[in-house]
Amino acid sequence: MIARALLVLAPVMLFWSLTAIALANEPVRLEGIEKDTPLYTWVRETVLEKYKTRRIFDNGDADDPELRFSGIRGDAEKALQAKGYYNPQIVFTPGVQSALTIDPGPLYTISEIAATGLEREDMPEIFGIAPGDVLDAENVLEAQRKFSRALQAKGCYYTLRIRNQVVLDHEAQTGSVRFVIEAGPEAVFGETIFEGAPRIKEKHLRRFLRYKEGDCWEFGKLEATKSALIGTGLLSVVREVLPDAPDENGVVNIRFELMESARRSILLGGSFYTDEGLGITAEWRHRNILGSGEELSARFNGNLLEQAIGVGFVKPYFLIDTQKLTISATLGREDTEAFEKLSLRNNFEIERRLASRLTGAAGAGFEVSRIKDKSTNKERNFGLLSLTGRIQFDNRDNTLDPRRGWLLRLRSEPHIDVFGESSPFFKNTFDVATYIAIDNDRDHILALRGRIGTILGGSTADIPASRRFYAGGGHSIRGFGHQEAGPIAANGDPLGGRSLIETAAELRFKVTETIGGVAFVDAGGVYDAIFPDFKNGYYVGAGVGARYYTAFGPIRFDIAVPMNKRAQTDRNFQFYISIGQAF
């Protein structure tokens, strides 16, 4: 009897639960404006979203719609006026799900544009709006900003204030726009003095000035200088001190009051992958060690398969302002299914900024290593001298959680073994990733990634095992264990290969501001030929995951399974936890 009652009540309870959730998510219904139009979206985003989470706590009246939604009519009227509707009819009907009914009324247009406050010959042209255009508030403000910049560039005004006045004609359904200008005296940049940062060389600070002495005064250049100084990471406070007015010659001397950031910092990170175990990263940094933004660092990272400790030195603005020098030394140990390795590696690299998002780099490295190839049980000593060339385009908006942009990277490394154990070989990789928004809010992102690699030179067996390509794992083809997606030896150990291909597609979506999910498919493999010939098959893994979004980046939780499990596949699934998106 109880079971039968539950069967009858369950659908009713489910219906009311879903209804409650829907009402909580949409407490106000918008009527009168056609759905899926720009105006409907504008009112929904600027007005209704504001009241979704609004609560009024006053003597138990939290659920009173009149209290909770007080002010919604005024907010709706302002939103409509911003888009050119200055005579709307708005009715709010409270209820279990309240209704906001809107008749936008006629769309007002611009009848006249004028400016006052300066002589006509001193005024530039007003761009962005014209008589007959819709009286859209954002368009008027953008035109005002452009007008202000043009005035400042033409007049070098020390102070410049522009406000707009709109006079409506309801009978003609138009409005006239007038910009009122209040301009101060003309001025030029004078001497710049820095105070409060004794450990930073003044020559280094002056690199970030976005103006020269004698330049036409422009407040935007001063703001750009402050942003550049803060952007170095060396300063926590940048405050400008300006006179009330230019001196008798129209010169403005500037004094910056500075406060240095902490010079030393410690960074900690962690991860857990089924195939790699618990991973820990720790880094100590000492910034501005020589007074021009140089950085000295010591780093440790380790998991069950790999451990490494290293030191590094970075010299920005090396020889020229668009270059930086990086020098590093690393002592490492690896013990994977394919090989065991103990190595000491030294590197240097010079990176140059070729354009705003384009960089190129060249360098060299020398690695002394002892490697045991587990497929043959042979140990060999190598002394690999390598040259490195890299070119990269990166316009992603965020490295830990990208939602737009592209990453393209080409890397080439010729190697010579000075011990003579290996023939010369030439390793090349090309990576590409892009991020496509599916909705306007960029809460749904389609992330795509591809990688292809080839090694030219000797045979696979002749190439040191640690320098071959491998696939599989949390940074490669999820669902397969570390190094599992490729050819294997008779004893079951990975052989690696001379060519590699990897592809990935991942759909990312946010459920709340802090919670999100993903669904993904990874595919690819490693092959003995110098270009992928797919003789060993194509490895496909798929899975789902969750994201917890924090102030510094998302924490990812992924689980993946191999879609075409092979003999060397140890597990039916792989689990990954780390900071940042998979790519």
Protein backbone atom coordinates (compact mmCIF):
# COMPACT_ATOMS: atom_id res chain seq x y z
CA MET A 1 0.00 0.00 0.00
CA ILE A 2 2.80 2.40 0.94
CA ALA A 3 4.71 1.57 -2.26
CA ARG A 4 1.60 2.19 -4.35
CA ALA A 5 1.02 5.53 -2.63
CA LEU A 6 4.61 6.52 -3.29
CA LEU A 7 4.23 5.62 -6.97
CA VAL A 8 1.19 7.91 -7.15
CA LEU A 9 2.77 10.76 -5.19
CA ALA A 10 6.20 10.66 -6.86
CA PRO A 11 5.10 12.19 -10.22
CA VAL A 12 3.15 14.92 -8.37
CA MET A 13 6.12 15.72 -6.14
CA LEU A 14 8.43 15.75 -9.15
CA PHE A 15 6.07 18.10 -11.02
CA TRP A 16 5.89 20.55 -8.13
CA SER A 17 9.65 20.35 -7.53
CA LEU A 18 10.38 21.17 -11.15
CA THR A 19 7.78 23.96 -11.03
CA ALA A 20 9.40 25.41 -7.90
CA ILE A 21 12.81 25.31 -9.52
CA ALA A 22 11.46 27.02 -12.65
CA LEU A 23 9.78 29.72 -10.59
CA ALA A 24 12.94 30.26 -8.56
CA ASN A 25 14.94 30.66 -11.76
CA GLU A 26 12.31 32.86 -13.48
CA PRO A 27 10.38 34.72 -10.75
CA VAL A 28 9.19 37.36 -13.25
CA ARG A 29 7.74 36.65 -16.70
CA LEU A 30 8.37 39.26 -19.41
CA GLU A 31 5.42 39.95 -21.72
CA GLY A 32 4.65 42.39 -24.52
CA ILE A 33 8.05 42.26 -26.22
CA GLU A 34 8.73 39.64 -28.87
CA LYS A 35 11.05 36.92 -27.64
CA ASP A 36 14.56 36.43 -29.09
CA THR A 37 14.79 40.08 -30.14
CA PRO A 38 17.63 42.38 -29.04
CA LEU A 39 15.19 44.46 -26.95
CA TYR A 40 13.80 41.38 -25.16
CA THR A 41 17.34 40.21 -24.36
CA TRP A 42 18.34 43.69 -23.15
CA VAL A 43 15.41 44.03 -20.73
CA ARG A 44 15.83 40.48 -19.49
CA GLU A 45 19.56 40.91 -18.80
CA THR A 46 19.47 44.43 -17.33
CA VAL A 47 16.21 44.21 -15.36
CA LEU A 48 14.97 40.67 -14.69
CA GLU A 49 18.39 39.22 -13.85
CA LYS A 50 18.75 41.85 -11.13
CA TYR A 51 15.63 40.59 -9.35
CA LYS A 52 16.31 36.85 -9.62
CA THR A 53 18.26 36.70 -6.38
CA ARG A 54 16.85 39.79 -4.66
CA ARG A 55 15.43 39.14 -1.21
CA ILE A 56 13.75 41.53 1.25
CA PHE A 57 13.93 40.50 4.91
CA ASP A 58 11.44 42.61 6.83
CA ASN A 59 9.30 40.94 9.50
CA GLY A 60 8.70 37.80 7.47
CA ASP A 61 7.57 39.60 4.31
CA ALA A 62 10.41 38.19 2.19
CA ASP A 63 7.98 36.57 -0.22
CA ASP A 64 5.79 39.65 -0.78
CA PRO A 65 6.21 40.40 -4.56
CA GLU A 66 5.40 44.09 -4.04
CA LEU A 67 8.35 44.38 -1.65
CA ARG A 68 10.71 42.07 -3.49
CA PHE A 69 10.13 43.74 -6.87
CA SER A 70 9.71 47.32 -5.73
CA GLY A 71 11.53 49.50 -8.23
CA ILE A 72 11.21 47.08 -11.15
CA ARG A 73 9.01 49.51 -13.13
CA GLY A 74 11.56 52.30 -12.78
CA ASP A 75 14.40 49.98 -13.76
CA ALA A 76 12.47 48.80 -16.81
CA GLU A 77 11.73 52.41 -17.84
CA LYS A 78 15.42 53.32 -17.61
CA ALA A 79 16.39 50.24 -19.63
CA LEU A 80 13.90 51.12 -22.38
CA GLN A 81 14.98 54.77 -22.49
CA ALA A 82 18.59 53.65 -22.92
CA LYS A 83 17.51 51.99 -26.17
CA GLY A 84 15.47 54.92 -27.47
CA TYR A 85 11.99 54.15 -26.12
CA TYR A 86 11.01 57.26 -24.14
CA ASN A 87 7.25 56.75 -23.83
CA PRO A 88 6.70 53.12 -22.76
CA GLN A 89 3.69 51.66 -20.96
CA ILE A 90 4.75 49.32 -18.12
CA VAL A 91 2.50 47.17 -15.92
CA PHE A 92 3.74 44.90 -13.12
CA THR A 93 1.35 42.16 -11.98
CA PRO A 94 2.45 40.37 -8.76
CA GLY A 95 1.76 36.68 -8.28
CA VAL A 96 3.31 33.24 -7.78
CA GLN A 97 5.19 34.05 -10.97
CA SER A 98 4.89 37.81 -11.41
CA ALA A 99 4.47 39.38 -14.84
CA LEU A 100 6.12 42.48 -16.29
CA THR A 101 4.09 43.62 -19.30
CA ILE A 102 5.71 46.22 -21.54
CA ASP A 103 4.49 48.21 -24.52
CA PRO A 104 7.74 49.92 -25.63
CA GLY A 105 5.94 52.60 -27.63
CA PRO A 106 7.57 54.56 -30.47
CA LEU A 107 11.32 54.53 -31.10
CA TYR A 108 12.83 58.03 -30.78
CA THR A 109 15.50 59.31 -33.16
CA ILE A 110 18.11 62.08 -33.08
CA SER A 111 16.92 65.36 -34.56
CA GLU A 112 19.98 67.56 -34.02
CA ILE A 113 23.59 67.34 -32.73
CA ALA A 114 25.51 70.35 -31.41
CA ALA A 115 28.43 71.26 -29.13
CA THR A 116 29.04 74.39 -27.04
CA GLY A 117 31.89 75.71 -24.91
CA LEU A 118 34.65 76.25 -27.49
CA GLU A 119 35.12 78.25 -30.65
CA ARG A 120 33.89 76.38 -33.69
CA GLU A 121 37.35 76.23 -35.30
CA ASP A 122 38.69 74.45 -32.17
CA MET A 123 36.12 71.66 -32.35
CA PRO A 124 36.71 68.37 -34.17
CA GLU A 125 33.96 66.49 -35.95
CA ILE A 126 31.55 64.44 -33.85
CA PHE A 127 31.74 60.78 -34.88
CA GLY A 128 29.45 57.82 -34.22
CA ILE A 129 26.01 59.42 -34.32
CA ALA A 130 24.07 61.46 -36.88
CA PRO A 131 20.60 63.02 -37.23
CA GLY A 132 18.08 60.30 -37.97
CA ASP A 133 19.88 57.66 -35.87
CA VAL A 134 18.10 55.90 -33.01
CA LEU A 135 18.50 57.85 -29.75
CA ASP A 136 20.49 55.02 -28.13
CA ALA A 137 22.21 56.03 -24.86
CA GLU A 138 25.27 53.83 -25.39
CA ASN A 139 25.81 55.23 -28.89
CA VAL A 140 25.58 58.78 -27.53
CA LEU A 141 28.08 58.00 -24.76
CA GLU A 142 30.48 56.33 -27.19
CA ALA A 143 30.27 59.38 -29.47
CA GLN A 144 30.98 61.53 -26.41
CA ARG A 145 34.09 59.46 -25.60
CA LYS A 146 35.37 59.74 -29.18
CA PHE A 147 34.66 63.47 -29.19
CA SER A 148 36.59 63.86 -25.91
CA ARG A 149 39.62 61.99 -27.27
CA ALA A 150 39.60 64.06 -30.44
CA LEU A 151 39.35 67.30 -28.44
CA GLN A 152 42.19 66.26 -26.15
CA ALA A 153 44.46 65.34 -29.07
CA LYS A 154 43.75 68.66 -30.76
CA GLY A 155 43.85 70.97 -27.77
CA CYS A 156 46.20 69.44 -25.10
CA TYR A 157 43.74 70.55 -22.40
CA TYR A 158 44.94 69.98 -18.84
CA THR A 159 41.35 69.45 -17.69
CA LEU A 160 38.51 68.52 -19.97
CA ARG A 161 34.95 67.71 -18.98
CA ILE A 162 32.18 66.95 -21.44
CA ARG A 163 28.57 66.25 -20.55
CA ASN A 164 25.59 65.63 -22.79
CA GLN A 165 22.15 67.18 -22.69
CA VAL A 166 19.21 65.52 -24.43
CA VAL A 167 16.01 67.52 -25.05
CA LEU A 168 13.03 65.39 -26.08
CA ASP A 169 10.23 66.37 -28.42
CA HIS A 170 7.49 63.84 -27.63
CA GLU A 171 5.23 65.09 -30.39
CA ALA A 172 7.89 64.55 -33.07
CA GLN A 173 9.29 61.50 -31.22
CA THR A 174 12.81 62.90 -31.49
CA GLY A 175 15.55 64.26 -29.25
CA SER A 176 18.29 66.83 -29.76
CA VAL A 177 21.78 66.01 -28.41
CA ARG A 178 24.06 68.77 -27.14
CA PHE A 179 27.61 68.26 -25.83
CA VAL A 180 28.65 70.89 -23.28
CA ILE A 181 32.43 71.37 -23.09
CA GLU A 182 34.33 72.67 -20.09
CA ALA A 183 38.02 72.93 -21.08
CA GLY A 184 40.95 74.04 -18.91
CA PRO A 185 44.28 75.57 -20.05
CA GLU A 186 46.48 73.85 -22.60
CA ALA A 187 49.53 72.01 -21.22
CA VAL A 188 52.49 69.76 -22.04
CA PHE A 189 54.23 67.02 -20.05
CA GLY A 190 57.17 68.21 -17.96
CA GLU A 191 59.65 66.48 -15.68
CA THR A 192 58.80 63.11 -14.09
CA ILE A 193 60.06 62.15 -10.63
CA PHE A 194 59.76 58.74 -8.92
CA GLU A 195 59.67 58.38 -5.13
CA GLY A 196 59.36 55.38 -2.84
CA ALA A 197 60.96 52.48 -4.77
CA PRO A 198 64.67 52.54 -3.88
CA ARG A 199 65.35 48.94 -5.01
CA ILE A 200 64.16 49.57 -8.56
CA LYS A 201 66.51 51.39 -10.90
CA GLU A 202 65.09 54.65 -12.24
CA LYS A 203 66.21 53.71 -15.75
CA HIS A 204 63.99 50.64 -15.51
CA LEU A 205 61.00 52.65 -14.28
CA ARG A 206 61.34 55.14 -17.15
CA ARG A 207 60.90 52.28 -19.63
CA PHE A 208 57.20 52.34 -18.78
CA LEU A 209 56.52 56.03 -19.39
CA ARG A 210 53.96 56.35 -22.16
CA TYR A 211 54.84 60.00 -22.88
CA LYS A 212 57.91 62.15 -23.44
CA GLU A 213 58.78 65.48 -21.90
CA GLY A 214 57.23 68.21 -24.07
CA ASP A 215 54.42 65.98 -25.43
CA CYS A 216 50.91 67.38 -25.65
CA TRP A 217 49.12 66.75 -22.36
CA GLU A 218 46.76 63.77 -22.46
CA PHE A 219 45.42 62.21 -19.29
CA GLY A 220 45.04 58.84 -21.02
CA LYS A 221 48.84 58.63 -21.40
CA LEU A 222 49.23 59.15 -17.67
CA GLU A 223 46.74 56.34 -16.95
CA ALA A 224 48.56 54.07 -19.44
CA THR A 225 51.84 54.76 -17.61
CA LYS A 226 50.29 53.82 -14.26
CA SER A 227 48.89 50.59 -15.74
CA ALA A 228 52.29 49.73 -17.23
CA LEU A 229 54.06 50.29 -13.91
CA ILE A 230 51.55 48.16 -11.99
CA GLY A 231 51.79 45.53 -14.74
CA THR A 232 55.47 44.91 -13.95
CA GLY A 233 54.42 43.15 -10.75
CA LEU A 234 57.16 45.04 -8.91
CA LEU A 235 54.86 47.73 -7.48
CA SER A 236 51.75 47.47 -5.33
CA VAL A 237 50.93 51.21 -5.31
CA VAL A 238 51.38 53.81 -8.06
CA ARG A 239 49.97 57.23 -7.23
CA GLU A 240 50.47 60.37 -9.30
CA VAL A 241 50.77 63.82 -7.71
CA LEU A 242 49.78 66.67 -10.04
CA PRO A 243 49.63 70.46 -9.61
CA ASP A 244 46.30 72.23 -9.61
CA ALA A 245 47.23 73.97 -12.86
CA PRO A 246 50.14 74.09 -15.33
CA ASP A 247 52.93 76.59 -14.62
CA GLU A 248 53.20 79.90 -16.48
CA ASN A 249 54.78 78.08 -19.46
CA GLY A 250 52.01 75.48 -19.65
CA VAL A 251 54.26 72.73 -18.24
CA VAL A 252 53.00 70.01 -15.87
CA ASN A 253 55.62 68.27 -13.73
CA ILE A 254 54.61 64.83 -12.43
CA ARG A 255 55.62 63.03 -9.28
CA PHE A 256 54.85 59.32 -8.83
CA GLU A 257 54.62 57.97 -5.29
CA LEU A 258 55.44 54.25 -5.41
CA MET A 259 55.33 51.29 -3.06
CA GLU A 260 57.20 48.10 -3.92
CA SER A 261 55.54 44.68 -3.87
CA ALA A 262 56.99 41.82 -1.85
CA ARG A 263 60.12 40.67 -3.64
CA ARG A 264 59.93 37.02 -2.59
CA SER A 265 57.02 34.67 -3.05
CA ILE A 266 56.21 30.96 -2.83
CA LEU A 267 53.85 29.20 -5.24
CA LEU A 268 52.29 25.83 -4.51
CA GLY A 269 50.25 23.58 -6.75
CA GLY A 270 48.92 20.04 -6.79
CA SER A 271 47.27 17.45 -8.97
CA PHE A 272 46.11 13.85 -8.94
CA TYR A 273 46.02 11.63 -12.01
CA THR A 274 45.22 7.93 -11.88
CA ASP A 275 48.30 7.06 -13.95
CA GLU A 276 50.71 9.57 -12.36
CA GLY A 277 49.48 9.60 -8.76
CA LEU A 278 49.67 12.63 -6.52
CA GLY A 279 51.58 15.54 -8.05
CA ILE A 280 53.14 18.46 -6.17
CA THR A 281 54.67 21.67 -7.52
CA ALA A 282 56.52 24.17 -5.35
CA GLU A 283 58.36 27.28 -6.52
CA TRP A 284 60.27 30.05 -4.75
CA ARG A 285 60.74 33.34 -6.61
CA HIS A 286 62.91 36.36 -5.90
CA ARG A 287 61.92 39.26 -8.15
CA ASN A 288 63.89 42.35 -9.05
CA ILE A 289 67.09 40.79 -7.77
CA LEU A 290 69.33 43.19 -9.75
CA GLY A 291 67.01 46.22 -9.83
CA SER A 292 65.61 45.90 -13.37
CA GLY A 293 62.90 43.27 -12.95
CA GLU A 294 65.20 40.23 -13.03
CA GLU A 295 63.88 37.05 -11.40
CA LEU A 296 65.66 34.16 -9.69
CA SER A 297 63.64 31.02 -8.98
CA ALA A 298 63.95 27.52 -7.56
CA ARG A 299 61.38 24.88 -8.45
CA PHE A 300 60.43 21.34 -7.48
CA ASN A 301 57.81 19.21 -9.14
CA GLY A 302 57.14 15.56 -8.65
CA ASN A 303 54.71 12.68 -8.96
CA LEU A 304 55.03 8.89 -9.00
CA LEU A 305 56.62 8.92 -12.48
CA GLU A 306 58.79 12.03 -12.52
CA GLN A 307 60.65 14.21 -10.06
CA ALA A 308 62.73 17.29 -10.88
CA ILE A 309 64.42 20.15 -9.09
CA GLY A 310 65.73 23.20 -10.92
CA VAL A 311 66.82 26.82 -10.76
CA GLY A 312 66.15 29.58 -13.25
CA PHE A 313 67.06 33.17 -14.01
CA VAL A 314 65.04 35.56 -16.20
CA LYS A 315 66.42 38.87 -17.48
CA PRO A 316 63.67 40.99 -19.09
CA TYR A 317 64.53 43.76 -21.55
CA PHE A 318 67.69 41.89 -22.54
CA LEU A 319 69.70 44.10 -24.93
CA ILE A 320 66.47 45.57 -26.31
CA ASP A 321 63.08 46.22 -24.70
CA THR A 322 61.29 43.48 -26.65
CA GLN A 323 63.61 40.63 -25.59
CA LYS A 324 64.10 38.53 -22.49
CA LEU A 325 66.79 36.01 -21.56
CA THR A 326 66.00 32.79 -19.68
CA ILE A 327 68.68 30.51 -18.20
CA SER A 328 67.83 27.29 -16.35
CA ALA A 329 69.34 24.12 -14.93
CA THR A 330 67.34 21.01 -13.99
CA LEU A 331 68.20 17.75 -12.27
CA GLY A 332 65.54 15.17 -13.02
CA ARG A 333 64.53 11.55 -12.63
CA GLU A 334 61.85 9.65 -14.55
CA ASP A 335 60.61 6.09 -14.15
CA THR A 336 57.85 5.28 -16.61
CA GLU A 337 56.63 2.12 -18.32
CA ALA A 338 58.90 2.98 -21.27
CA PHE A 339 62.18 4.03 -19.65
CA GLU A 340 64.16 5.03 -16.59
CA LYS A 341 66.14 8.26 -16.79
CA LEU A 342 68.49 10.31 -14.64
CA SER A 343 69.55 13.62 -16.21
CA LEU A 344 71.09 17.05 -15.75
CA ARG A 345 69.99 19.66 -18.27
CA ASN A 346 71.09 23.25 -18.86
CA ASN A 347 69.22 25.66 -21.15
CA PHE A 348 69.28 29.23 -22.31
CA GLU A 349 66.75 30.97 -24.53
CA ILE A 350 66.23 34.46 -25.91
CA GLU A 351 62.60 35.34 -26.59
CA ARG A 352 61.56 38.35 -28.65
CA ARG A 353 58.14 39.93 -29.01
CA LEU A 354 57.55 40.25 -32.75
CA ALA A 355 54.04 41.74 -32.47
CA SER A 356 51.49 42.29 -29.72
CA ARG A 357 50.54 38.57 -29.65
CA LEU A 358 53.39 37.02 -31.61
CA THR A 359 56.69 35.87 -30.09
CA GLY A 360 59.74 34.08 -31.40
CA ALA A 361 62.51 32.36 -29.46
CA ALA A 362 65.89 30.77 -30.09
CA GLY A 363 68.16 28.96 -27.68
CA ALA A 364 70.37 26.00 -26.91
CA GLY A 365 70.58 23.25 -24.34
CA PHE A 366 72.87 20.49 -23.19
CA GLU A 367 71.67 17.40 -21.35
CA VAL A 368 73.74 14.61 -19.82
CA SER A 369 71.58 11.56 -19.12
CA ARG A 370 71.63 7.88 -18.30
CA ILE A 371 68.62 6.12 -19.83
CA LYS A 372 67.42 2.54 -19.52
CA ASP A 373 65.12 1.53 -22.38
CA LYS A 374 62.73 -0.98 -20.76
CA SER A 375 61.77 -2.52 -24.10
CA THR A 376 65.37 -3.78 -24.51
CA ASN A 377 66.67 -3.49 -20.91
CA LYS A 378 69.72 -1.62 -22.26
CA GLU A 379 71.29 1.34 -20.48
CA ARG A 380 73.07 4.07 -22.43
CA ASN A 381 74.67 7.40 -21.63
CA PHE A 382 73.82 10.40 -23.81
CA GLY A 383 75.21 13.91 -24.11
CA LEU A 384 72.56 15.72 -26.16
CA LEU A 385 73.37 19.15 -27.52
CA SER A 386 70.25 20.81 -28.93
CA LEU A 387 69.26 24.04 -30.60
CA THR A 388 65.73 25.36 -30.12
CA GLY A 389 63.56 27.49 -32.37
CA ARG A 390 60.02 28.48 -31.47
CA ILE A 391 57.39 30.81 -32.82
CA GLN A 392 54.08 31.32 -31.07
CA PHE A 393 50.86 33.27 -31.57
CA ASP A 394 48.69 33.52 -28.47
CA ASN A 395 45.68 35.83 -28.16
CA ARG A 396 43.77 33.81 -25.56
CA ASP A 397 42.00 35.89 -22.94
CA ASN A 398 43.13 33.67 -20.04
CA THR A 399 45.75 30.93 -19.88
CA LEU A 400 44.06 28.93 -17.08
CA ASP A 401 40.48 29.34 -18.33
CA PRO A 402 40.44 30.54 -21.95
CA ARG A 403 37.07 31.44 -23.46
CA ARG A 404 38.21 33.04 -26.69
CA GLY A 405 41.24 33.30 -28.91
CA TRP A 406 43.83 31.07 -30.55
CA LEU A 407 47.09 29.43 -29.58
CA LEU A 408 49.44 28.38 -32.39
CA ARG A 409 52.95 27.16 -31.59
CA LEU A 410 55.66 25.69 -33.81
CA ARG A 411 58.77 24.26 -32.14
CA SER A 412 61.84 22.71 -33.78
CA GLU A 413 64.85 21.10 -32.06
CA PRO A 414 67.84 19.57 -33.85
CA HIS A 415 69.85 17.25 -31.55
CA ILE A 416 73.41 15.97 -31.67
CA ASP A 417 74.73 13.34 -29.25
CA VAL A 418 78.32 14.31 -28.39
CA PHE A 419 78.84 10.85 -26.81
CA GLY A 420 78.05 9.17 -30.14
CA GLU A 421 75.34 6.84 -28.83
CA SER A 422 72.65 8.32 -31.06
CA SER A 423 72.57 9.63 -34.62
CA PRO A 424 71.57 13.28 -35.11
CA PHE A 425 67.80 13.79 -35.15
CA PHE A 426 65.42 16.70 -35.67
CA LYS A 427 62.27 16.91 -33.49
CA ASN A 428 59.35 19.13 -34.58
CA THR A 429 55.93 19.79 -33.07
CA PHE A 430 53.02 22.03 -34.02
CA ASP A 431 50.20 22.82 -31.56
CA VAL A 432 46.93 24.63 -32.18
CA ALA A 433 43.98 25.38 -29.91
CA THR A 434 40.93 27.61 -30.26
CA TYR A 435 37.85 28.46 -28.20
CA ILE A 436 34.42 29.14 -29.70
CA ALA A 437 31.55 30.70 -27.74
CA ILE A 438 28.16 29.08 -28.31
CA ASP A 439 26.22 31.79 -26.45
CA ASN A 440 26.59 35.55 -25.97
CA ASP A 441 27.52 35.22 -22.29
CA ARG A 442 30.34 32.79 -23.13
CA ASP A 443 29.03 30.35 -20.56
CA HIS A 444 29.11 27.58 -23.20
CA ILE A 445 32.47 27.14 -24.92
CA LEU A 446 33.55 24.64 -27.54
CA ALA A 447 37.30 24.12 -27.03
CA LEU A 448 39.31 22.43 -29.79
CA ARG A 449 42.92 21.28 -29.72
CA GLY A 450 45.32 19.58 -32.13
CA ARG A 451 48.95 18.53 -32.07
CA ILE A 452 51.18 16.90 -34.65
CA GLY A 453 54.82 15.95 -34.36
CA THR A 454 57.59 14.29 -36.32
CA ILE A 455 61.20 13.25 -35.67
CA LEU A 456 63.51 13.22 -38.67
CA GLY A 457 66.82 11.36 -38.56
CA GLY A 458 67.55 7.93 -37.13
CA SER A 459 65.26 5.02 -36.47
CA THR A 460 63.02 4.88 -33.42
CA ALA A 461 65.41 2.51 -31.64
CA ASP A 462 68.34 4.87 -32.32
CA ILE A 463 66.59 7.87 -30.74
CA PRO A 464 66.97 8.13 -26.92
CA ALA A 465 63.83 6.69 -25.33
CA SER A 466 63.07 9.91 -23.44
CA ARG A 467 63.10 11.95 -26.67
CA ARG A 468 60.61 9.82 -28.59
CA PHE A 469 56.94 10.72 -28.82
CA TYR A 470 54.42 9.14 -26.45
CA ALA A 471 50.67 9.61 -26.11
CA GLY A 472 48.11 8.92 -23.43
CA GLY A 473 47.45 10.61 -20.10
CA GLY A 474 45.88 13.74 -18.65
CA HIS A 475 47.85 16.10 -20.89
CA SER A 476 47.41 13.97 -24.03
CA ILE A 477 44.65 11.43 -24.75
CA ARG A 478 42.50 11.11 -21.66
CA GLY A 479 41.08 7.66 -20.93
CA PHE A 480 44.39 5.97 -21.69
CA GLY A 481 47.19 5.76 -19.15
CA HIS A 482 50.55 7.53 -19.44
CA GLN A 483 52.31 6.40 -22.69
CA GLU A 484 49.64 3.76 -23.46
CA ALA A 485 48.39 5.18 -26.79
CA GLY A 486 51.09 3.82 -29.10
CA PRO A 487 53.13 0.78 -30.14
CA ILE A 488 54.26 -1.69 -27.47
CA ALA A 489 57.17 -4.12 -27.23
CA ALA A 490 56.83 -7.89 -26.84
CA ASN A 491 57.15 -7.47 -23.07
CA GLY A 492 54.25 -5.01 -23.06
CA ASP A 493 56.29 -1.84 -22.46
CA PRO A 494 55.65 1.27 -24.61
CA LEU A 495 58.09 1.74 -27.49
CA GLY A 496 57.33 5.34 -28.35
CA GLY A 497 57.57 6.56 -31.92
CA ARG A 498 58.77 9.13 -34.43
CA SER A 499 55.40 10.70 -35.15
CA LEU A 500 52.45 11.87 -33.12
CA ILE A 501 48.94 13.17 -33.66
CA GLU A 502 46.49 14.34 -31.00
CA THR A 503 43.06 15.94 -31.30
CA ALA A 504 40.53 16.97 -28.68
CA ALA A 505 37.06 18.52 -28.57
CA GLU A 506 35.62 19.69 -25.26
CA LEU A 507 32.26 21.32 -24.53
CA ARG A 508 32.46 23.51 -21.43
CA PHE A 509 29.39 24.95 -19.72
CA LYS A 510 28.69 26.86 -16.52
CA VAL A 511 25.82 25.87 -14.24
CA THR A 512 26.39 28.65 -11.71
CA GLU A 513 29.07 31.30 -11.26
CA THR A 514 31.30 28.77 -9.48
CA ILE A 515 30.18 25.38 -10.83
CA GLY A 516 30.57 24.07 -14.37
CA GLY A 517 30.79 20.90 -16.38
CA VAL A 518 32.51 19.49 -19.46
CA ALA A 519 32.09 16.66 -21.94
CA PHE A 520 35.04 15.73 -24.13
CA VAL A 521 36.50 13.39 -26.73
CA ASP A 522 40.27 12.96 -27.19
CA ALA A 523 41.85 10.98 -30.03
CA GLY A 524 45.23 10.31 -31.61
CA GLY A 525 48.26 8.09 -31.27
CA VAL A 526 52.00 7.56 -31.73
CA TYR A 527 53.53 5.77 -34.72
CA ASP A 528 56.90 4.34 -35.73
CA ALA A 529 56.92 6.12 -39.12
CA ILE A 530 58.15 9.72 -39.39
CA PHE A 531 54.58 10.80 -40.24
CA PRO A 532 51.43 9.26 -38.74
CA ASP A 533 50.46 6.19 -40.80
CA PHE A 534 47.83 4.85 -38.34
CA LYS A 535 49.22 1.30 -38.60
CA ASN A 536 48.88 0.90 -34.85
CA GLY A 537 45.31 2.21 -34.93
CA TYR A 538 43.72 5.37 -33.65
CA TYR A 539 43.14 5.74 -29.93
CA VAL A 540 39.91 7.39 -28.75
CA GLY A 541 38.99 8.37 -25.20
CA ALA A 542 35.89 10.15 -23.94
CA GLY A 543 34.65 11.46 -20.65
CA VAL A 544 32.93 14.08 -18.56
CA GLY A 545 34.09 16.40 -15.84
CA ALA A 546 33.23 19.11 -13.35
CA ARG A 547 34.77 22.52 -12.81
CA TYR A 548 34.91 24.59 -9.63
CA TYR A 549 35.73 28.19 -10.52
CA THR A 550 37.92 30.12 -8.09
CA ALA A 551 39.47 33.59 -8.18
CA PHE A 552 42.76 32.24 -9.56
CA GLY A 553 41.33 29.70 -11.99
CA PRO A 554 39.14 26.60 -12.31
CA ILE A 555 39.84 23.34 -10.50
CA ARG A 556 39.09 20.47 -12.85
CA PHE A 557 37.77 16.99 -12.05
CA ASP A 558 37.71 14.72 -15.13
CA ILE A 559 36.92 11.04 -15.59
CA ALA A 560 37.59 9.37 -18.94
CA VAL A 561 37.32 5.91 -20.47
CA PRO A 562 39.09 4.36 -23.49
CA MET A 563 36.55 3.91 -26.27
CA ASN A 564 38.69 1.31 -28.07
CA LYS A 565 40.55 -0.44 -25.27
CA ARG A 566 43.83 -2.14 -26.23
CA ALA A 567 45.86 -4.96 -24.72
CA GLN A 568 48.21 -2.48 -23.03
CA THR A 569 45.36 -0.54 -21.42
CA ASP A 570 45.69 -1.17 -17.69
CA ARG A 571 42.48 0.45 -16.42
CA ASN A 572 38.88 0.81 -17.49
CA PHE A 573 38.89 4.51 -16.57
CA GLN A 574 41.25 7.33 -15.62
CA PHE A 575 40.62 10.13 -13.14
CA TYR A 576 42.25 13.60 -13.22
CA ILE A 577 42.30 16.50 -10.75
CA SER A 578 44.34 19.66 -11.39
CA ILE A 579 44.23 23.45 -11.53
CA GLY A 580 43.24 25.00 -14.87
CA GLN A 581 41.42 23.66 -17.88
CA ALA A 582 42.82 20.62 -19.70
CA PHE A 583 43.98 22.97 -22.47
